[in-house]
């Protein structure tokens, strides 16, 4: 396992230790960067307009199309580090 993968996994653990809830924009960024880093480009059908939460999550992920998994992992790590105030 690479150093990046280990740091990505550690960031997934660290994000659960946040003392305050991140903003909705930060939550969407965390979600989309995690999905892009772990799965790659968005897949599946876009949720319907009545499913606003999952639609917003899907749209945030789809905006990262073409971003490499390694780049998304590093961005996720950087965001978690910023949110933790380190």
N, C-alpha and C. Protein backbone atom coordinates (compact mmCIF):
# COMPACT_ATOMS: atom_id res chain seq x y z
N UNK A 1 0.85 -1.18 0.00
CA UNK A 1 0.00 0.00 0.00
C UNK A 1 0.90 1.24 0.00
N UNK A 2 0.56 2.18 -0.84
CA UNK A 2 1.37 3.39 -0.97
C UNK A 2 1.15 4.34 0.21
N UNK A 3 2.06 5.29 0.35
CA UNK A 3 1.93 6.30 1.41
C UNK A 3 0.64 7.11 1.22
N UNK A 4 0.31 7.40 -0.04
CA UNK A 4 -0.91 8.16 -0.32
C UNK A 4 -2.14 7.39 0.14
N UNK A 5 -2.17 6.09 -0.15
CA UNK A 5 -3.32 5.27 0.26
C UNK A 5 -3.43 5.20 1.78
N UNK A 6 -2.28 5.09 2.46
CA UNK A 6 -2.30 5.06 3.92
C UNK A 6 -2.79 6.39 4.48
N UNK A 7 -2.33 7.49 3.91
CA UNK A 7 -2.77 8.82 4.36
C UNK A 7 -4.26 9.02 4.09
N UNK A 8 -4.74 8.49 2.96
CA UNK A 8 -6.16 8.59 2.61
C UNK A 8 -7.00 7.82 3.63
N UNK A 9 -6.55 6.63 3.98
CA UNK A 9 -7.28 5.84 4.98
C UNK A 9 -7.24 6.53 6.34
N UNK A 10 -6.11 7.11 6.71
CA UNK A 10 -6.01 7.80 7.99
C UNK A 10 -6.92 9.03 8.00
N UNK A 11 -7.02 9.73 6.89
CA UNK A 11 -7.90 10.90 6.81
C UNK A 11 -9.35 10.49 7.00
N UNK A 12 -9.72 9.30 6.52
CA UNK A 12 -11.09 8.79 6.71
C UNK A 12 -11.38 8.55 8.18
N UNK A 13 -10.38 8.14 8.93
CA UNK A 13 -10.53 7.95 10.38
C UNK A 13 -10.55 9.30 11.08
N UNK A 14 -9.63 10.17 10.68
CA UNK A 14 -9.49 11.48 11.32
C UNK A 14 -10.72 12.35 11.16
N UNK A 15 -11.39 12.26 10.01
CA UNK A 15 -12.54 13.13 9.75
C UNK A 15 -13.67 12.83 10.75
N UNK A 16 -13.69 11.64 11.28
CA UNK A 16 -14.72 11.27 12.26
C UNK A 16 -14.47 11.89 13.63
N UNK A 17 -13.31 12.50 13.80
CA UNK A 17 -12.97 13.11 15.10
C UNK A 17 -13.24 14.61 15.12
N UNK A 18 -13.81 15.15 14.05
CA UNK A 18 -14.12 16.58 14.02
C UNK A 18 -15.05 16.94 15.17
N UNK A 19 -14.76 18.04 15.83
CA UNK A 19 -15.57 18.45 16.98
C UNK A 19 -16.79 19.26 16.58
N UNK A 20 -16.78 19.83 15.37
CA UNK A 20 -17.95 20.56 14.90
C UNK A 20 -18.28 20.09 13.49
N UNK A 21 -19.55 20.19 13.14
CA UNK A 21 -20.01 19.74 11.83
C UNK A 21 -19.52 20.72 10.76
N UNK A 22 -18.90 20.20 9.70
CA UNK A 22 -18.47 21.06 8.60
C UNK A 22 -19.66 21.68 7.88
N UNK A 23 -19.42 22.73 7.13
CA UNK A 23 -20.47 23.37 6.33
C UNK A 23 -20.96 22.38 5.27
N UNK A 24 -22.13 22.68 4.72
CA UNK A 24 -22.67 21.81 3.67
C UNK A 24 -21.72 21.72 2.47
N UNK A 25 -21.09 22.84 2.12
CA UNK A 25 -20.14 22.82 1.00
C UNK A 25 -18.95 21.91 1.30
N UNK A 26 -18.44 21.99 2.54
CA UNK A 26 -17.33 21.11 2.91
C UNK A 26 -17.77 19.65 2.94
N UNK A 27 -18.99 19.39 3.41
CA UNK A 27 -19.49 18.01 3.43
C UNK A 27 -19.61 17.45 2.01
N UNK A 28 -20.11 18.27 1.09
CA UNK A 28 -20.20 17.83 -0.30
C UNK A 28 -18.81 17.60 -0.90
N UNK A 29 -17.87 18.45 -0.55
CA UNK A 29 -16.49 18.27 -1.03
C UNK A 29 -15.89 16.99 -0.48
N UNK A 30 -16.09 16.75 0.82
CA UNK A 30 -15.59 15.51 1.41
C UNK A 30 -16.18 14.29 0.71
N UNK A 31 -17.48 14.32 0.51
CA UNK A 31 -18.16 13.20 -0.15
C UNK A 31 -17.62 12.98 -1.56
N UNK A 32 -17.60 14.04 -2.35
CA UNK A 32 -17.22 13.89 -3.75
C UNK A 32 -15.75 13.50 -3.90
N UNK A 33 -14.88 14.07 -3.08
CA UNK A 33 -13.45 13.70 -3.15
C UNK A 33 -13.24 12.26 -2.71
N UNK A 34 -13.98 11.83 -1.68
CA UNK A 34 -13.88 10.45 -1.24
C UNK A 34 -14.32 9.50 -2.35
N UNK A 35 -15.48 9.78 -2.96
CA UNK A 35 -15.99 8.91 -4.02
C UNK A 35 -15.04 8.89 -5.22
N UNK A 36 -14.53 10.06 -5.62
CA UNK A 36 -13.62 10.12 -6.76
C UNK A 36 -12.33 9.39 -6.45
N UNK A 37 -11.84 9.55 -5.21
CA UNK A 37 -10.60 8.89 -4.82
C UNK A 37 -10.73 7.39 -4.68
N UNK A 38 -11.89 6.91 -4.28
CA UNK A 38 -12.06 5.48 -4.06
C UNK A 38 -12.69 4.74 -5.23
N UNK A 39 -13.53 5.41 -6.01
CA UNK A 39 -14.25 4.73 -7.10
C UNK A 39 -13.91 5.25 -8.49
N UNK A 40 -13.46 6.50 -8.59
CA UNK A 40 -13.22 7.10 -9.90
C UNK A 40 -14.42 7.94 -10.31
N UNK A 41 -14.58 8.14 -11.61
CA UNK A 41 -15.65 9.00 -12.13
C UNK A 41 -17.03 8.51 -11.70
N UNK A 42 -17.96 9.47 -11.59
CA UNK A 42 -19.33 9.17 -11.17
C UNK A 42 -19.95 8.10 -12.06
N UNK A 43 -20.73 7.24 -11.43
CA UNK A 43 -21.37 6.16 -12.16
C UNK A 43 -22.83 6.07 -11.73
N UNK A 44 -23.61 5.41 -12.52
CA UNK A 44 -25.02 5.26 -12.20
C UNK A 44 -25.83 6.44 -12.72
N UNK A 45 -27.13 6.37 -12.47
CA UNK A 45 -28.04 7.41 -12.93
C UNK A 45 -28.11 8.54 -11.92
N UNK A 46 -28.29 9.73 -12.42
CA UNK A 46 -28.46 10.91 -11.57
C UNK A 46 -29.81 10.81 -10.87
N UNK A 47 -29.85 10.99 -9.55
CA UNK A 47 -31.12 10.91 -8.83
C UNK A 47 -32.11 11.97 -9.32
N UNK A 48 -33.39 11.68 -9.17
CA UNK A 48 -34.44 12.59 -9.61
C UNK A 48 -34.44 13.89 -8.81
N UNK A 49 -35.15 14.87 -9.33
CA UNK A 49 -35.11 16.20 -8.72
C UNK A 49 -35.78 16.25 -7.35
N UNK A 50 -36.60 15.27 -7.02
CA UNK A 50 -37.23 15.25 -5.70
C UNK A 50 -36.29 14.69 -4.62
N UNK A 51 -35.24 14.02 -5.05
CA UNK A 51 -34.24 13.47 -4.13
C UNK A 51 -33.08 14.47 -4.07
N UNK A 52 -33.33 15.61 -3.44
CA UNK A 52 -32.39 16.73 -3.49
C UNK A 52 -31.03 16.43 -2.87
N UNK A 53 -31.00 15.71 -1.77
CA UNK A 53 -29.74 15.44 -1.09
C UNK A 53 -28.85 14.56 -1.96
N UNK A 54 -29.38 13.43 -2.41
CA UNK A 54 -28.57 12.52 -3.23
C UNK A 54 -28.24 13.12 -4.59
N UNK A 55 -29.10 13.98 -5.09
CA UNK A 55 -28.82 14.65 -6.36
C UNK A 55 -27.64 15.62 -6.18
N UNK A 56 -27.63 16.36 -5.09
CA UNK A 56 -26.51 17.28 -4.82
C UNK A 56 -25.21 16.51 -4.65
N UNK A 57 -25.27 15.38 -3.97
CA UNK A 57 -24.07 14.56 -3.78
C UNK A 57 -23.57 14.02 -5.12
N UNK A 58 -24.48 13.54 -5.93
CA UNK A 58 -24.11 13.01 -7.25
C UNK A 58 -23.51 14.12 -8.11
N UNK A 59 -24.15 15.28 -8.12
CA UNK A 59 -23.65 16.40 -8.93
C UNK A 59 -22.26 16.84 -8.50
N UNK A 60 -22.02 16.88 -7.18
CA UNK A 60 -20.69 17.26 -6.67
C UNK A 60 -19.64 16.25 -7.13
N UNK A 61 -19.99 14.97 -7.10
CA UNK A 61 -19.08 13.92 -7.55
C UNK A 61 -18.86 14.03 -9.06
N UNK A 62 -19.92 14.23 -9.82
CA UNK A 62 -19.82 14.30 -11.28
C UNK A 62 -18.95 15.48 -11.73
N UNK A 63 -18.91 16.56 -10.94
CA UNK A 63 -18.07 17.71 -11.30
C UNK A 63 -16.58 17.37 -11.30
N UNK A 64 -16.22 16.30 -10.62
CA UNK A 64 -14.81 15.90 -10.53
C UNK A 64 -14.41 14.93 -11.65
N UNK A 65 -15.31 14.71 -12.60
CA UNK A 65 -15.01 13.78 -13.69
C UNK A 65 -13.70 14.13 -14.35
N UNK A 66 -12.86 13.13 -14.54
CA UNK A 66 -11.56 13.32 -15.17
C UNK A 66 -10.44 13.56 -14.17
N UNK A 67 -10.79 13.84 -12.91
CA UNK A 67 -9.78 14.00 -11.86
C UNK A 67 -9.22 12.62 -11.53
N UNK A 68 -7.90 12.52 -11.45
CA UNK A 68 -7.32 11.22 -11.13
C UNK A 68 -7.64 10.83 -9.70
N UNK A 69 -7.64 9.54 -9.43
CA UNK A 69 -7.93 9.07 -8.08
C UNK A 69 -6.88 9.58 -7.10
N UNK A 70 -5.61 9.59 -7.51
CA UNK A 70 -4.55 10.07 -6.63
C UNK A 70 -4.73 11.55 -6.29
N UNK A 71 -5.10 12.34 -7.29
CA UNK A 71 -5.33 13.76 -7.06
C UNK A 71 -6.50 13.98 -6.10
N UNK A 72 -7.57 13.22 -6.29
CA UNK A 72 -8.74 13.33 -5.41
C UNK A 72 -8.39 12.90 -3.99
N UNK A 73 -7.60 11.86 -3.85
CA UNK A 73 -7.18 11.39 -2.52
C UNK A 73 -6.38 12.48 -1.82
N UNK A 74 -5.45 13.11 -2.53
CA UNK A 74 -4.63 14.16 -1.93
C UNK A 74 -5.49 15.36 -1.55
N UNK A 75 -6.45 15.72 -2.38
CA UNK A 75 -7.34 16.83 -2.07
C UNK A 75 -8.20 16.51 -0.85
N UNK A 76 -8.64 15.28 -0.73
CA UNK A 76 -9.42 14.84 0.44
C UNK A 76 -8.57 14.97 1.71
N UNK A 77 -7.34 14.49 1.64
CA UNK A 77 -6.42 14.57 2.79
C UNK A 77 -6.20 16.03 3.17
N UNK A 78 -5.97 16.89 2.18
CA UNK A 78 -5.74 18.31 2.44
C UNK A 78 -6.97 18.96 3.09
N UNK A 79 -8.16 18.60 2.62
CA UNK A 79 -9.39 19.17 3.18
C UNK A 79 -9.60 18.71 4.62
N UNK A 80 -9.39 17.44 4.89
CA UNK A 80 -9.53 16.93 6.25
C UNK A 80 -8.53 17.62 7.17
N UNK A 81 -7.31 17.78 6.71
CA UNK A 81 -6.28 18.46 7.51
C UNK A 81 -6.70 19.90 7.81
N UNK A 82 -7.23 20.59 6.80
CA UNK A 82 -7.71 21.96 7.01
C UNK A 82 -8.85 22.01 8.02
N UNK A 83 -9.78 21.09 7.88
CA UNK A 83 -10.93 21.06 8.79
C UNK A 83 -10.53 20.74 10.23
N UNK A 84 -9.49 19.96 10.37
CA UNK A 84 -8.99 19.63 11.71
C UNK A 84 -8.17 20.77 12.30
N UNK A 85 -7.83 21.74 11.47
CA UNK A 85 -7.06 22.89 11.95
C UNK A 85 -5.60 22.60 12.16
N UNK A 86 -5.09 21.64 11.42
CA UNK A 86 -3.68 21.27 11.58
C UNK A 86 -2.81 22.01 10.60
